[in-house]
């Protein structure tokens, strides 16, 4: 399986997928922690992949999304963005319907 296939599989098999530094229990950067905190506040289950454990994944996700920074959040197979985008969408109320469905 290529790194692109692995990334696509992670996104396809997990409704909410976060590529981050560290893991949800021990984020290794403030930006990753912020996105984890948002997802926990929204009480949503999510999968994660630690890009620090795999340098090929760390570079591959940047190329896959054409987005230069980590973390990267995907919902329902769609790239949402990084920390700044997630925070902005959360604060404006745009993220909640994506996470919980249109009736949220």
Protein backbone atom coordinates (compact mmCIF):
# COMPACT_ATOMS: atom_id res chain seq x y z
CA UNK A 1 0.00 0.00 0.00
CA UNK A 2 1.44 3.38 -0.97
CA UNK A 3 1.31 6.30 1.43
CA UNK A 4 -1.37 7.92 -0.75
CA UNK A 5 -3.46 4.74 -0.59
CA UNK A 6 -3.01 4.60 3.19
CA UNK A 7 -4.12 8.23 3.56
CA UNK A 8 -7.13 7.69 1.30
CA UNK A 9 -8.06 4.53 3.23
CA UNK A 10 -7.83 6.39 6.57
CA UNK A 11 -10.10 9.13 5.22
CA UNK A 12 -12.55 6.69 3.61
CA UNK A 13 -12.91 4.42 6.63
CA UNK A 14 -13.19 7.10 9.33
CA UNK A 15 -15.99 9.65 9.24
CA UNK A 16 -13.81 12.14 11.17
CA UNK A 17 -10.08 11.76 10.60
CA UNK A 18 -7.33 13.91 12.09
CA UNK A 19 -3.74 13.79 10.92
CA UNK A 20 -1.82 15.28 13.83
CA UNK A 21 1.41 15.46 15.76
CA UNK A 22 1.10 13.00 18.63
CA UNK A 23 -2.17 11.35 19.56
CA UNK A 24 -5.41 12.57 21.15
CA UNK A 25 -4.22 11.57 24.63
CA UNK A 26 -0.83 13.25 24.17
CA UNK A 27 -0.77 15.88 21.42
CA UNK A 28 2.77 16.93 20.57
CA UNK A 29 1.98 20.47 19.43
CA UNK A 30 -0.42 23.19 20.47
CA UNK A 31 -2.19 23.27 17.11
CA UNK A 32 -2.93 19.53 17.24
CA UNK A 33 -4.11 19.90 20.85
CA UNK A 34 -6.46 22.72 19.87
CA UNK A 35 -8.16 20.62 17.17
CA UNK A 36 -8.38 17.61 19.52
CA UNK A 37 -9.96 19.85 22.16
CA UNK A 38 -12.54 21.11 19.65
CA UNK A 39 -13.46 17.57 18.60
CA UNK A 40 -13.72 16.46 22.23
CA UNK A 41 -15.88 19.48 23.05
CA UNK A 42 -18.16 18.49 20.16
CA UNK A 43 -18.28 14.99 21.68
CA UNK A 44 -17.49 13.29 18.38
CA UNK A 45 -15.58 10.09 17.88
CA UNK A 46 -12.63 10.47 15.58
CA UNK A 47 -9.63 8.57 14.33
CA UNK A 48 -6.15 10.02 14.23
CA UNK A 49 -2.78 9.34 12.70
CA UNK A 50 0.47 10.52 14.28
CA UNK A 51 2.66 12.03 11.57
CA UNK A 52 5.64 12.11 13.94
CA UNK A 53 5.77 8.30 13.90
CA UNK A 54 6.08 8.15 10.11
CA UNK A 55 8.01 10.74 8.11
CA UNK A 56 6.56 9.37 4.86
CA UNK A 57 3.06 10.04 6.23
CA UNK A 58 4.12 13.49 7.45
CA UNK A 59 5.21 14.51 3.95
CA UNK A 60 2.55 12.48 2.17
CA UNK A 61 -0.41 14.15 3.87
CA UNK A 62 0.91 17.58 2.91
CA UNK A 63 1.13 16.52 -0.72
CA UNK A 64 -2.21 14.69 -0.61
CA UNK A 65 -4.12 17.77 0.58
CA UNK A 66 -1.84 20.39 -0.97
CA UNK A 67 -1.84 21.95 2.51
CA UNK A 68 1.54 22.74 4.11
CA UNK A 69 0.76 22.36 7.80
CA UNK A 70 -0.37 19.77 10.32
CA UNK A 71 -2.87 19.07 11.85
CA UNK A 72 -5.27 18.32 9.01
CA UNK A 73 -8.92 17.53 9.63
CA UNK A 74 -11.18 15.52 7.32
CA UNK A 75 -14.93 15.02 7.77
CA UNK A 76 -16.99 12.70 5.57
CA UNK A 77 -14.06 12.37 3.18
CA UNK A 78 -13.70 16.14 2.76
CA UNK A 79 -10.65 18.15 3.75
CA UNK A 80 -11.73 20.79 6.26
CA UNK A 81 -8.36 22.42 6.92
CA UNK A 82 -5.84 22.93 9.65
CA UNK A 83 -6.04 24.40 13.13
CA UNK A 84 -6.89 27.97 12.12
CA UNK A 85 -9.69 26.86 9.81
CA UNK A 86 -11.09 24.43 12.41
CA UNK A 87 -11.05 27.13 15.12
CA UNK A 88 -12.70 29.69 12.83
CA UNK A 89 -15.38 27.21 11.72
CA UNK A 90 -16.01 26.12 15.32
CA UNK A 91 -16.33 29.70 16.57
CA UNK A 92 -18.68 30.67 13.72
CA UNK A 93 -20.82 27.55 14.19
CA UNK A 94 -20.00 26.15 10.73
CA UNK A 95 -18.16 23.08 12.03
CA UNK A 96 -20.93 21.71 14.26
CA UNK A 97 -23.37 20.81 11.42
CA UNK A 98 -20.53 19.11 9.52
CA UNK A 99 -19.64 17.05 12.57
CA UNK A 100 -23.13 16.26 13.82
CA UNK A 101 -25.18 16.41 10.64
CA UNK A 102 -27.27 19.13 9.10
CA UNK A 103 -29.79 19.25 11.96
CA UNK A 104 -27.21 20.21 14.59
